[in-house]
Amino acid sequence: MTYVVTDACIKCKYMDCVEVCPVDCFYEGENMLVINPSECIDCGVCEPECPAEAILPDTEKDVETWLELNATFSAQWPNVTRKADQTPADADEHKGEADKYDKYFSAEPGAGD
């Protein structure tokens, strides 16, 4: 099992999860994070740290698309190992918003460490 980041992270990118990850398996896109499923050790410490509730175990219903997206972009985006002051100013406004993938997803990489 692994954990995945869903579209709830898009335009929020709080990065609290990055601080607690013992294996540094988070990768940064322009407006969201992803988890490398091959590196995730299923410890689960990241899930409760996410203010946007964007992290789910891959055993949850309907996360197959997110598992694929996480695998794809973790191979393309830079690794991030610490929380940076990059939380978008309007993150709280987008928290809980529906259909964020279709509205805002960017395949561009983030800054990384």
PDB file of N, CA and C in Angstrom:
ATOM      1  N   MET A   1       0.842  -1.182   0.000  1.00  0.00           N
ATOM      2  CA  MET A   1       0.000   0.000   0.000  1.00  0.00           C
ATOM      3  C   MET A   1       0.887   1.245   0.000  1.00  0.00           C
ATOM      4  N   THR A   2       0.348   2.309  -0.503  1.00  0.00           N
ATOM      5  CA  THR A   2       1.024   3.600  -0.526  1.00  0.00           C
ATOM      6  C   THR A   2      -0.010   4.686  -0.287  1.00  0.00           C
ATOM      7  N   TYR A   3       0.457   5.873  -0.067  1.00  0.00           N
ATOM      8  CA  TYR A   3      -0.424   7.022   0.051  1.00  0.00           C
ATOM      9  C   TYR A   3      -0.315   7.830  -1.234  1.00  0.00           C
ATOM     10  N   VAL A   4      -1.374   8.553  -1.567  1.00  0.00           N
ATOM     11  CA  VAL A   4      -1.399   9.375  -2.769  1.00  0.00           C
ATOM     12  C   VAL A   4      -1.930  10.762  -2.425  1.00  0.00           C
ATOM     13  N   VAL A   5      -1.515  11.732  -3.205  1.00  0.00           N
ATOM     14  CA  VAL A   5      -2.015  13.085  -3.079  1.00  0.00           C
ATOM     15  C   VAL A   5      -3.090  13.258  -4.145  1.00  0.00           C
ATOM     16  N   THR A   6      -4.229  13.803  -3.741  1.00  0.00           N
ATOM     17  CA  THR A   6      -5.356  14.006  -4.650  1.00  0.00           C
ATOM     18  C   THR A   6      -5.453  15.475  -5.063  1.00  0.00           C
ATOM     19  N   ASP A   7      -6.464  15.782  -5.853  1.00  0.00           N
ATOM     20  CA  ASP A   7      -6.640  17.144  -6.346  1.00  0.00           C
ATOM     21  C   ASP A   7      -6.963  18.152  -5.251  1.00  0.00           C
ATOM     22  N   ALA A   8      -7.273  17.689  -4.057  1.00  0.00           N
ATOM     23  CA  ALA A   8      -7.519  18.627  -2.953  1.00  0.00           C
ATOM     24  C   ALA A   8      -6.273  19.462  -2.651  1.00  0.00           C
ATOM     25  N   CYS A   9      -5.113  18.991  -3.065  1.00  0.00           N
ATOM     26  CA  CYS A   9      -3.851  19.712  -2.849  1.00  0.00           C
ATOM     27  C   CYS A   9      -3.672  20.871  -3.838  1.00  0.00           C
ATOM     28  N   ILE A  10      -4.284  20.780  -4.985  1.00  0.00           N
ATOM     29  CA  ILE A  10      -4.088  21.790  -6.034  1.00  0.00           C
ATOM     30  C   ILE A  10      -4.500  23.173  -5.529  1.00  0.00           C
ATOM     31  N   LYS A  11      -3.617  24.126  -5.739  1.00  0.00           N
ATOM     32  CA  LYS A  11      -3.782  25.529  -5.345  1.00  0.00           C
ATOM     33  C   LYS A  11      -3.727  25.733  -3.838  1.00  0.00           C
ATOM     34  N   CYS A  12      -3.465  24.666  -3.067  1.00  0.00           N
ATOM     35  CA  CYS A  12      -3.300  24.786  -1.609  1.00  0.00           C
ATOM     36  C   CYS A  12      -1.831  24.579  -1.259  1.00  0.00           C
ATOM     37  N   LYS A  13      -1.317  23.388  -1.544  1.00  0.00           N
ATOM     38  CA  LYS A  13       0.108  23.073  -1.382  1.00  0.00           C
ATOM     39  C   LYS A  13       0.677  23.592  -0.063  1.00  0.00           C
ATOM     40  N   TYR A  14       0.051  23.177   1.036  1.00  0.00           N
ATOM     41  CA  TYR A  14       0.487  23.627   2.364  1.00  0.00           C
ATOM     42  C   TYR A  14       1.870  23.096   2.752  1.00  0.00           C
ATOM     43  N   MET A  15       2.214  21.906   2.329  1.00  0.00           N
ATOM     44  CA  MET A  15       3.528  21.297   2.528  1.00  0.00           C
ATOM     45  C   MET A  15       3.827  20.842   3.958  1.00  0.00           C
ATOM     46  N   ASP A  16       2.839  20.816   4.841  1.00  0.00           N
ATOM     47  CA  ASP A  16       3.051  20.301   6.196  1.00  0.00           C
ATOM     48  C   ASP A  16       3.474  18.831   6.142  1.00  0.00           C
ATOM     49  N   CYS A  17       2.951  18.111   5.162  1.00  0.00           N
ATOM     50  CA  CYS A  17       3.240  16.685   4.989  1.00  0.00           C
ATOM     51  C   CYS A  17       4.712  16.421   4.729  1.00  0.00           C
ATOM     52  N   VAL A  18       5.354  17.313   4.020  1.00  0.00           N
ATOM     53  CA  VAL A  18       6.758  17.152   3.652  1.00  0.00           C
ATOM     54  C   VAL A  18       7.640  17.106   4.893  1.00  0.00           C
ATOM     55  N   GLU A  19       7.310  17.917   5.870  1.00  0.00           N
ATOM     56  CA  GLU A  19       8.103  18.004   7.100  1.00  0.00           C
ATOM     57  C   GLU A  19       8.151  16.696   7.875  1.00  0.00           C
ATOM     58  N   VAL A  20       7.099  15.897   7.817  1.00  0.00           N
ATOM     59  CA  VAL A  20       7.029  14.688   8.640  1.00  0.00           C
ATOM     60  C   VAL A  20       7.407  13.412   7.899  1.00  0.00           C
ATOM     61  N   CYS A  21       7.592  13.474   6.605  1.00  0.00           N
ATOM     62  CA  CYS A  21       7.882  12.271   5.814  1.00  0.00           C
ATOM     63  C   CYS A  21       9.289  11.741   6.131  1.00  0.00           C
ATOM     64  N   PRO A  22       9.379  10.507   6.646  1.00  0.00           N
ATOM     65  CA  PRO A  22      10.698   9.974   7.012  1.00  0.00           C
ATOM     66  C   PRO A  22      11.538   9.503   5.826  1.00  0.00           C
ATOM     67  N   VAL A  23      10.931   9.373   4.651  1.00  0.00           N
ATOM     68  CA  VAL A  23      11.688   8.868   3.500  1.00  0.00           C
ATOM     69  C   VAL A  23      11.762   9.865   2.340  1.00  0.00           C
ATOM     70  N   ASP A  24      11.310  11.076   2.552  1.00  0.00           N
ATOM     71  CA  ASP A  24      11.414  12.139   1.539  1.00  0.00           C
ATOM     72  C   ASP A  24      10.832  11.727   0.190  1.00  0.00           C
ATOM     73  N   CYS A  25       9.595  11.248   0.191  1.00  0.00           N
ATOM     74  CA  CYS A  25       8.997  10.755  -1.055  1.00  0.00           C
ATOM     75  C   CYS A  25       8.042  11.756  -1.709  1.00  0.00           C
ATOM     76  N   PHE A  26       8.101  13.039  -1.301  1.00  0.00           N
ATOM     77  CA  PHE A  26       7.245  14.053  -1.908  1.00  0.00           C
ATOM     78  C   PHE A  26       7.979  14.773  -3.039  1.00  0.00           C
ATOM     79  N   TYR A  27       7.223  15.098  -4.070  1.00  0.00           N
ATOM     80  CA  TYR A  27       7.747  15.797  -5.237  1.00  0.00           C
ATOM     81  C   TYR A  27       6.844  16.975  -5.521  1.00  0.00           C
ATOM     82  N   GLU A  28       7.455  18.079  -5.968  1.00  0.00           N
ATOM     83  CA  GLU A  28       6.737  19.334  -6.060  1.00  0.00           C
ATOM     84  C   GLU A  28       6.443  19.785  -7.484  1.00  0.00           C
ATOM     85  N   GLY A  29       5.159  19.996  -7.728  1.00  0.00           N
ATOM     86  CA  GLY A  29       4.722  20.616  -8.962  1.00  0.00           C
ATOM     87  C   GLY A  29       4.467  22.091  -8.727  1.00  0.00           C
ATOM     88  N   GLU A  30       4.121  22.784  -9.775  1.00  0.00           N
ATOM     89  CA  GLU A  30       3.875  24.214  -9.670  1.00  0.00           C
ATOM     90  C   GLU A  30       2.787  24.536  -8.640  1.00  0.00           C
ATOM     91  N   ASN A  31       1.700  23.743  -8.631  1.00  0.00           N
ATOM     92  CA  ASN A  31       0.623  24.074  -7.700  1.00  0.00           C
ATOM     93  C   ASN A  31       0.091  22.894  -6.885  1.00  0.00           C
ATOM     94  N   MET A  32       0.857  21.805  -6.805  1.00  0.00           N
ATOM     95  CA  MET A  32       0.495  20.677  -5.948  1.00  0.00           C
ATOM     96  C   MET A  32       1.719  19.811  -5.684  1.00  0.00           C
ATOM     97  N   LEU A  33       1.580  18.894  -4.755  1.00  0.00           N
ATOM     98  CA  LEU A  33       2.609  17.907  -4.452  1.00  0.00           C
ATOM     99  C   LEU A  33       2.123  16.536  -4.880  1.00  0.00           C
ATOM    100  N   VAL A  34       3.044  15.599  -5.054  1.00  0.00           N
ATOM    101  CA  VAL A  34       2.706  14.193  -5.288  1.00  0.00           C
ATOM    102  C   VAL A  34       3.650  13.335  -4.450  1.00  0.00           C
ATOM    103  N   ILE A  35       3.259  12.083  -4.259  1.00  0.00           N
ATOM    104  CA  ILE A  35       4.058  11.113  -3.534  1.00  0.00           C
ATOM    105  C   ILE A  35       4.551  10.064  -4.521  1.00  0.00           C
ATOM    106  N   ASN A  36       5.827   9.714  -4.434  1.00  0.00           N
ATOM    107  CA  ASN A  36       6.336   8.627  -5.264  1.00  0.00           C
ATOM    108  C   ASN A  36       5.896   7.316  -4.619  1.00  0.00           C
ATOM    109  N   PRO A  37       4.994   6.564  -5.282  1.00  0.00           N
ATOM    110  CA  PRO A  37       4.473   5.339  -4.672  1.00  0.00           C
ATOM    111  C   PRO A  37       5.525   4.258  -4.468  1.00  0.00           C
ATOM    112  N   SER A  38       6.605   4.303  -5.198  1.00  0.00           N
ATOM    113  CA  SER A  38       7.672   3.320  -5.017  1.00  0.00           C
ATOM    114  C   SER A  38       8.526   3.621  -3.787  1.00  0.00           C
ATOM    115  N   GLU A  39       8.545   4.862  -3.361  1.00  0.00           N
ATOM    116  CA  GLU A  39       9.339   5.272  -2.218  1.00  0.00           C
ATOM    117  C   GLU A  39       8.547   5.316  -0.908  1.00  0.00           C
ATOM    118  N   CYS A  40       7.232   5.477  -1.009  1.00  0.00           N
ATOM    119  CA  CYS A  40       6.379   5.574   0.178  1.00  0.00           C
ATOM    120  C   CYS A  40       6.439   4.267   0.967  1.00  0.00           C
ATOM    121  N   ILE A  41       6.637   4.384   2.285  1.00  0.00           N
ATOM    122  CA  ILE A  41       6.732   3.188   3.127  1.00  0.00           C
ATOM    123  C   ILE A  41       5.437   2.927   3.900  1.00  0.00           C
ATOM    124  N   ASP A  42       4.381   3.624   3.539  1.00  0.00           N
ATOM    125  CA  ASP A  42       3.066   3.396   4.131  1.00  0.00           C
ATOM    126  C   ASP A  42       3.042   3.663   5.633  1.00  0.00           C
ATOM    127  N   CYS A  43       3.799   4.641   6.087  1.00  0.00           N
ATOM    128  CA  CYS A  43       3.807   4.939   7.521  1.00  0.00           C
ATOM    129  C   CYS A  43       2.569   5.726   7.935  1.00  0.00           C
ATOM    130  N   GLY A  44       2.031   6.510   7.013  1.00  0.00           N
ATOM    131  CA  GLY A  44       0.803   7.244   7.274  1.00  0.00           C
ATOM    132  C   GLY A  44       0.948   8.533   8.052  1.00  0.00           C
ATOM    133  N   VAL A  45       2.153   8.947   8.391  1.00  0.00           N
ATOM    134  CA  VAL A  45       2.297  10.163   9.191  1.00  0.00           C
ATOM    135  C   VAL A  45       1.921  11.431   8.426  1.00  0.00           C
ATOM    136  N   CYS A  46       1.966  11.396   7.121  1.00  0.00           N
ATOM    137  CA  CYS A  46       1.646  12.576   6.321  1.00  0.00           C
ATOM    138  C   CYS A  46       0.144  12.860   6.267  1.00  0.00           C
ATOM    139  N   GLU A  47      -0.657  11.820   6.282  1.00  0.00           N
ATOM    140  CA  GLU A  47      -2.107  11.984   6.077  1.00  0.00           C
ATOM    141  C   GLU A  47      -2.744  12.964   7.064  1.00  0.00           C
ATOM    142  N   PRO A  48      -2.554  12.816   8.373  1.00  0.00           N
ATOM    143  CA  PRO A  48      -3.204  13.758   9.297  1.00  0.00           C
ATOM    144  C   PRO A  48      -2.592  15.156   9.299  1.00  0.00           C
ATOM    145  N   GLU A  49      -1.419  15.318   8.705  1.00  0.00           N
ATOM    146  CA  GLU A  49      -0.762  16.622   8.681  1.00  0.00           C
ATOM    147  C   GLU A  49      -1.303  17.544   7.591  1.00  0.00           C
ATOM    148  N   CYS A  50      -2.040  17.005   6.647  1.00  0.00           N
ATOM    149  CA  CYS A  50      -2.512  17.786   5.499  1.00  0.00           C
ATOM    150  C   CYS A  50      -3.769  18.592   5.846  1.00  0.00           C
ATOM    151  N   PRO A  51      -3.662  19.923   5.899  1.00  0.00           N
ATOM    152  CA  PRO A  51      -4.827  20.752   6.208  1.00  0.00           C
ATOM    153  C   PRO A  51      -5.945  20.632   5.166  1.00  0.00           C
ATOM    154  N   ALA A  52      -5.583  20.280   3.936  1.00  0.00           N
ATOM    155  CA  ALA A  52      -6.576  20.178   2.865  1.00  0.00           C
ATOM    156  C   ALA A  52      -7.169  18.772   2.753  1.00  0.00           C
ATOM    157  N   GLU A  53      -6.690  17.845   3.600  1.00  0.00           N
ATOM    158  CA  GLU A  53      -7.140  16.449   3.562  1.00  0.00           C
ATOM    159  C   GLU A  53      -6.979  15.854   2.157  1.00  0.00           C
ATOM    160  N   ALA A  54      -5.831  16.148   1.556  1.00  0.00           N
ATOM    161  CA  ALA A  54      -5.553  15.738   0.180  1.00  0.00           C
ATOM    162  C   ALA A  54      -4.823  14.407   0.072  1.00  0.00           C
ATOM    163  N   ILE A  55      -4.391  13.836   1.189  1.00  0.00           N
ATOM    164  CA  ILE A  55      -3.616  12.599   1.157  1.00  0.00           C
ATOM    165  C   ILE A  55      -4.486  11.434   1.609  1.00  0.00           C
ATOM    166  N   LEU A  56      -4.523  10.404   0.774  1.00  0.00           N
ATOM    167  CA  LEU A  56      -5.338   9.221   1.053  1.00  0.00           C
ATOM    168  C   LEU A  56      -4.529   7.950   0.813  1.00  0.00           C
ATOM    169  N   PRO A  57      -4.862   6.864   1.507  1.00  0.00           N
ATOM    170  CA  PRO A  57      -4.225   5.584   1.193  1.00  0.00           C
ATOM    171  C   PRO A  57      -4.757   5.074  -0.137  1.00  0.00           C
ATOM    172  N   ASP A  58      -3.945   4.327  -0.862  1.00  0.00           N
ATOM    173  CA  ASP A  58      -4.385   3.841  -2.173  1.00  0.00           C
ATOM    174  C   ASP A  58      -5.460   2.761  -2.076  1.00  0.00           C
ATOM    175  N   THR A  59      -5.851   2.399  -0.865  1.00  0.00           N
ATOM    176  CA  THR A  59      -6.930   1.426  -0.676  1.00  0.00           C
ATOM    177  C   THR A  59      -8.305   2.094  -0.679  1.00  0.00           C
ATOM    178  N   GLU A  60      -8.330   3.429  -0.661  1.00  0.00           N
ATOM    179  CA  GLU A  60      -9.597   4.159  -0.712  1.00  0.00           C
ATOM    180  C   GLU A  60     -10.237   3.992  -2.091  1.00  0.00           C
ATOM    181  N   LYS A  61     -11.529   4.112  -2.119  1.00  0.00           N
ATOM    182  CA  LYS A  61     -12.274   3.988  -3.372  1.00  0.00           C
ATOM    183  C   LYS A  61     -11.932   5.146  -4.316  1.00  0.00           C
ATOM    184  N   ASP A  62     -11.805   4.824  -5.587  1.00  0.00           N
ATOM    185  CA  ASP A  62     -11.612   5.805  -6.660  1.00  0.00           C
ATOM    186  C   ASP A  62     -10.311   6.616  -6.571  1.00  0.00           C
ATOM    187  N   VAL A  63      -9.231   6.010  -6.107  1.00  0.00           N
ATOM    188  CA  VAL A  63      -7.954   6.726  -6.090  1.00  0.00           C
ATOM    189  C   VAL A  63      -6.990   6.234  -7.171  1.00  0.00           C
ATOM    190  N   GLU A  64      -7.432   5.335  -8.021  1.00  0.00           N
ATOM    191  CA  GLU A  64      -6.554   4.791  -9.065  1.00  0.00           C
ATOM    192  C   GLU A  64      -5.981   5.891  -9.950  1.00  0.00           C
ATOM    193  N   THR A  65      -6.812   6.857 -10.314  1.00  0.00           N
ATOM    194  CA  THR A  65      -6.356   7.961 -11.155  1.00  0.00           C
ATOM    195  C   THR A  65      -5.259   8.746 -10.450  1.00  0.00           C
ATOM    196  N   TRP A  66      -5.419   8.955  -9.143  1.00  0.00           N
ATOM    197  CA  TRP A  66      -4.431   9.714  -8.382  1.00  0.00           C
ATOM    198  C   TRP A  66      -3.146   8.932  -8.200  1.00  0.00           C
ATOM    199  N   LEU A  67      -3.250   7.631  -8.064  1.00  0.00           N
ATOM    200  CA  LEU A  67      -2.059   6.796  -7.963  1.00  0.00           C
ATOM    201  C   LEU A  67      -1.232   6.918  -9.239  1.00  0.00           C
ATOM    202  N   GLU A  68      -1.887   6.874 -10.373  1.00  0.00           N
ATOM    203  CA  GLU A  68      -1.194   7.017 -11.662  1.00  0.00           C
ATOM    204  C   GLU A  68      -0.575   8.408 -11.797  1.00  0.00           C
ATOM    205  N   LEU A  69      -1.321   9.440 -11.426  1.00  0.00           N
ATOM    206  CA  LEU A  69      -0.820  10.806 -11.516  1.00  0.00           C
ATOM    207  C   LEU A  69       0.394  10.990 -10.602  1.00  0.00           C
ATOM    208  N   ASN A  70       0.320  10.465  -9.377  1.00  0.00           N
ATOM    209  CA  ASN A  70       1.444  10.563  -8.452  1.00  0.00           C
ATOM    210  C   ASN A  70       2.672   9.856  -9.004  1.00  0.00           C
ATOM    211  N   ALA A  71       2.487   8.672  -9.551  1.00  0.00           N
ATOM    212  CA  ALA A  71       3.612   7.919 -10.113  1.00  0.00           C
ATOM    213  C   ALA A  71       4.235   8.664 -11.291  1.00  0.00           C
ATOM    214  N   THR A  72       3.408   9.185 -12.166  1.00  0.00           N
ATOM    215  CA  THR A  72       3.887   9.889 -13.355  1.00  0.00           C
ATOM    216  C   THR A  72       4.681  11.138 -12.996  1.00  0.00           C
ATOM    217  N   PHE A  73       4.095  11.996 -12.164  1.00  0.00           N
ATOM    218  CA  PHE A  73       4.735  13.285 -11.902  1.00  0.00           C
ATOM    219  C   PHE A  73       5.850  13.216 -10.864  1.00  0.00           C
ATOM    220  N   SER A  74       5.862  12.205 -10.021  1.00  0.00           N
ATOM    221  CA  SER A  74       6.993  12.077  -9.096  1.00  0.00           C
ATOM    222  C   SER A  74       8.269  11.721  -9.859  1.00  0.00           C
ATOM    223  N   ALA A  75       8.118  11.190 -11.060  1.00  0.00           N
ATOM    224  CA  ALA A  75       9.275  10.886 -11.902  1.00  0.00           C
ATOM    225  C   ALA A  75       9.743  12.117 -12.684  1.00  0.00           C
ATOM    226  N   GLN A  76       8.928  13.172 -12.713  1.00  0.00           N
ATOM    227  CA  GLN A  76       9.246  14.355 -13.509  1.00  0.00           C
ATOM    228  C   GLN A  76       9.551  15.594 -12.668  1.00  0.00           C
ATOM    229  N   TRP A  77       8.960  15.678 -11.508  1.00  0.00           N
ATOM    230  CA  TRP A  77       9.093  16.873 -10.674  1.00  0.00           C
ATOM    231  C   TRP A  77      10.239  16.719  -9.677  1.00  0.00           C
ATOM    232  N   PRO A  78      10.766  17.847  -9.161  1.00  0.00           N
ATOM    233  CA  PRO A  78      11.864  17.785  -8.194  1.00  0.00           C
ATOM    234  C   PRO A  78      11.400  17.314  -6.813  1.00  0.00           C
ATOM    235  N   ASN A  79      12.287  16.627  -6.144  1.00  0.00           N
ATOM    236  CA  ASN A  79      12.042  16.161  -4.786  1.00  0.00           C
ATOM    237  C   ASN A  79      12.016  17.368  -3.846  1.00  0.00           C
ATOM    238  N   VAL A  80      11.150  17.288  -2.846  1.00  0.00           N
ATOM    239  CA  VAL A  80      11.080  18.345  -1.838  1.00  0.00           C
ATOM    240  C   VAL A  80      11.117  17.664  -0.466  1.00  0.00           C
ATOM    241  N   THR A  81      12.000  18.147   0.394  1.00  0.00           N
ATOM    242  CA  THR A  81      12.210  17.482   1.681  1.00  0.00           C
ATOM    243  C   THR A  81      11.912  18.361   2.889  1.00  0.00           C
ATOM    244  N   ARG A  82      11.608  19.624   2.652  1.00  0.00           N
ATOM    245  CA  ARG A  82      11.271  20.494   3.771  1.00  0.00           C
ATOM    246  C   ARG A  82      10.235  21.516   3.330  1.00  0.00           C
ATOM    247  N   LYS A  83       9.472  21.933   4.304  1.00  0.00           N
ATOM    248  CA  LYS A  83       8.416  22.911   4.044  1.00  0.00           C
ATOM    249  C   LYS A  83       9.057  24.256   3.725  1.00  0.00           C
ATOM    250  N   ALA A  84       8.637  24.816   2.642  1.00  0.00           N
ATOM    251  CA  ALA A  84       9.135  26.133   2.246  1.00  0.00           C
ATOM    252  C   ALA A  84       8.009  27.148   2.424  1.00  0.00           C
ATOM    253  N   ASP A  85       8.342  28.381   2.364  1.00  0.00           N
ATOM    254  CA  ASP A  85       7.325  29.435   2.455  1.00  0.00           C
ATOM    255  C   ASP A  85       6.682  29.650   1.094  1.00  0.00           C
ATOM    256  N   GLN A  86       6.137  28.556   0.547  1.00  0.00           N
ATOM    257  CA  GLN A  86       5.568  28.625  -0.794  1.00  0.00           C
ATOM    258  C   GLN A  86       4.071  28.362  -0.807  1.00  0.00           C
ATOM    259  N   THR A  87       3.438  28.306   0.363  1.00  0.00           N
ATOM    260  CA  THR A  87       1.998  28.108   0.383  1.00  0.00           C
ATOM    261  C   THR A  87       1.371  29.308  -0.312  1.00  0.00           C
ATOM    262  N   PRO A  88       0.537  29.053  -1.314  1.00  0.00           N
ATOM    263  CA  PRO A  88      -0.098  30.169  -2.027  1.00  0.00           C
ATOM    264  C   PRO A  88      -0.894  31.071  -1.075  1.00  0.00           C
ATOM    265  N   ALA A  89      -0.865  32.361  -1.315  1.00  0.00           N
ATOM    266  CA  ALA A  89      -1.569  33.324  -0.469  1.00  0.00           C
ATOM    267  C   ALA A  89      -3.067  33.046  -0.414  1.00  0.00           C
ATOM    268  N   ASP A  90      -3.610  32.492  -1.502  1.00  0.00           N
ATOM    269  CA  ASP A  90      -5.052  32.226  -1.558  1.00  0.00           C
ATOM    270  C   ASP A  90      -5.388  30.756  -1.290  1.00  0.00           C
ATOM    271  N   ALA A  91      -4.479  30.016  -0.652  1.00  0.00           N
ATOM    272  CA  ALA A  91      -4.680  28.578  -0.408  1.00  0.00           C
ATOM    273  C   ALA A  91      -5.966  28.297   0.353  1.00  0.00           C
ATOM    274  N   ASP A  92      -6.236  29.058   1.390  1.00  0.00           N
ATOM    275  CA  ASP A  92      -7.441  28.807   2.189  1.00  0.00           C
ATOM    276  C   ASP A  92      -8.720  29.027   1.376  1.00  0.00           C
ATOM    277  N   GLU A  93      -8.671  29.910   0.400  1.00  0.00           N
ATOM    278  CA  GLU A  93      -9.836  30.153  -0.461  1.00  0.00           C
ATOM    279  C   GLU A  93     -10.140  28.949  -1.345  1.00  0.00           C
ATOM    280  N   HIS A  94      -9.122  28.164  -1.688  1.00  0.00           N
ATOM    281  CA  HIS A  94      -9.298  27.007  -2.567  1.00  0.00           C
ATOM    282  C   HIS A  94      -9.505  25.700  -1.802  1.00  0.00           C
ATOM    283  N   LYS A  95      -9.291  25.733  -0.498  1.00  0.00           N
ATOM    284  CA  LYS A  95      -9.448  24.543   0.340  1.00  0.00           C
ATOM    285  C   LYS A  95     -10.898  24.069   0.276  1.00  0.00           C
ATOM    286  N   GLY A  96     -11.078  22.810  -0.112  1.00  0.00           N
ATOM    287  CA  GLY A  96     -12.417  22.228  -0.207  1.00  0.00           C
ATOM    288  C   GLY A  96     -13.134  22.491  -1.522  1.00  0.00           C
ATOM    289  N   GLU A  97     -12.520  23.223  -2.421  1.00  0.00           N
ATOM    290  CA  GLU A  97     -13.134  23.523  -3.713  1.00  0.00           C
ATOM    291  C   GLU A  97     -13.227  22.257  -4.564  1.00  0.00           C
ATOM    292  N   ALA A  98     -14.304  22.114  -5.295  1.00  0.00           N
ATOM    293  CA  ALA A  98     -14.519  20.939  -6.151  1.00  0.00           C
ATOM    294  C   ALA A  98     -13.883  21.136  -7.529  1.00  0.00           C
ATOM    295  N   ASP A  99     -13.586  20.019  -8.183  1.00  0.00           N
ATOM    296  CA  ASP A  99     -13.112  19.997  -9.576  1.00  0.00           C
ATOM    297  C   ASP A  99     -11.826  20.800  -9.805  1.00  0.00           C
ATOM    298  N   LYS A 100     -10.945  20.792  -8.843  1.00  0.00           N
ATOM    299  CA  LYS A 100      -9.719  21.581  -8.985  1.00  0.00           C
ATOM    300  C   LYS A 100      -8.789  21.045 -10.059  1.00  0.00           C
ATOM    301  N   TYR A 101      -8.799  19.739 -10.294  1.00  0.00           N
ATOM    302  CA  TYR A 101      -7.919  19.202 -11.333  1.00  0.00           C
ATOM    303  C   TYR A 101      -8.280  19.814 -12.686  1.00  0.00           C
ATOM    304  N   ASP A 102      -9.542  19.779 -13.028  1.00  0.00           N
ATOM    305  CA  ASP A 102      -9.983  20.315 -14.327  1.00  0.00           C
ATOM    306  C   ASP A 102      -9.780  21.826 -14.429  1.00  0.00           C
ATOM    307  N   LYS A 103      -9.906  22.525 -13.336  1.00  0.00           N
ATOM    308  CA  LYS A 103      -9.790  23.984 -13.347  1.00  0.00           C
ATOM    309  C   LYS A 103      -8.342  24.475 -13.335  1.00  0.00           C
ATOM    310  N   TYR A 104      -7.477  23.813 -12.537  1.00  0.00           N
ATOM    311  CA  TYR A 104      -6.192  24.438 -12.232  1.00  0.00           C
ATOM    312  C   TYR A 104      -4.944  23.587 -12.407  1.00  0.00           C
ATOM    313  N   PHE A 105      -5.053  22.302 -12.623  1.00  0.00           N
ATOM    314  CA  PHE A 105      -3.847  21.456 -12.629  1.00  0.00           C
ATOM    315  C   PHE A 105      -2.791  21.969 -13.600  1.00  0.00           C
ATOM    316  N   SER A 106      -1.545  21.974 -13.122  1.00  0.00           N
ATOM    317  CA  SER A 106      -0.403  22.346 -13.958  1.00  0.00           C
ATOM    318  C   SER A 106       0.617  21.211 -13.910  1.00  0.00           C
ATOM    319  N   ALA A 107       1.089  20.807 -15.059  1.00  0.00           N
ATOM    320  CA  ALA A 107       2.119  19.765 -15.146  1.00  0.00           C
ATOM    321  C   ALA A 107       3.524  20.336 -14.974  1.00  0.00           C
ATOM    322  N   GLU A 108       3.630  21.637 -14.791  1.00  0.00           N
ATOM    323  CA  GLU A 108       4.936  22.279 -14.629  1.00  0.00           C
ATOM    324  C   GLU A 108       5.547  21.902 -13.277  1.00  0.00           C
ATOM    325  N   PRO A 109       6.855  21.739 -13.237  1.00  0.00           N
ATOM    326  CA  PRO A 109       7.511  21.401 -11.968  1.00  0.00           C
ATOM    327  C   PRO A 109       7.544  22.600 -11.021  1.00  0.00           C
ATOM    328  N   GLY A 110       7.683  22.285  -9.742  1.00  0.00           N
ATOM    329  CA  GLY A 110       7.863  23.324  -8.732  1.00  0.00           C
ATOM    330  C   GLY A 110       9.347  23.592  -8.534  1.00  0.00           C
ATOM    331  N   ALA A 111       9.659  24.318  -7.496  1.00  0.00           N
ATOM    332  CA  ALA A 111      11.039  24.725  -7.227  1.00  0.00           C
ATOM    333  C   ALA A 111      11.878  23.604  -6.625  1.00  0.00           C
ATOM    334  N   GLY A 112      11.245  22.718  -5.844  1.00  0.00           N
ATOM    335  CA  GLY A 112      12.019  21.680  -5.159  1.00  0.00           C
ATOM    336  C   GLY A 112      12.861  22.299  -4.055  1.00  0.00           C
ATOM    337  N   ASP A 113      13.794  21.528  -3.524  1.00  0.00           N
ATOM    338  CA  ASP A 113      14.647  22.042  -2.438  1.00  0.00           C
ATOM    339  C   ASP A 113      15.752  22.904  -2.981  1.00  0.00           C
TER     340      ASP A 113
END
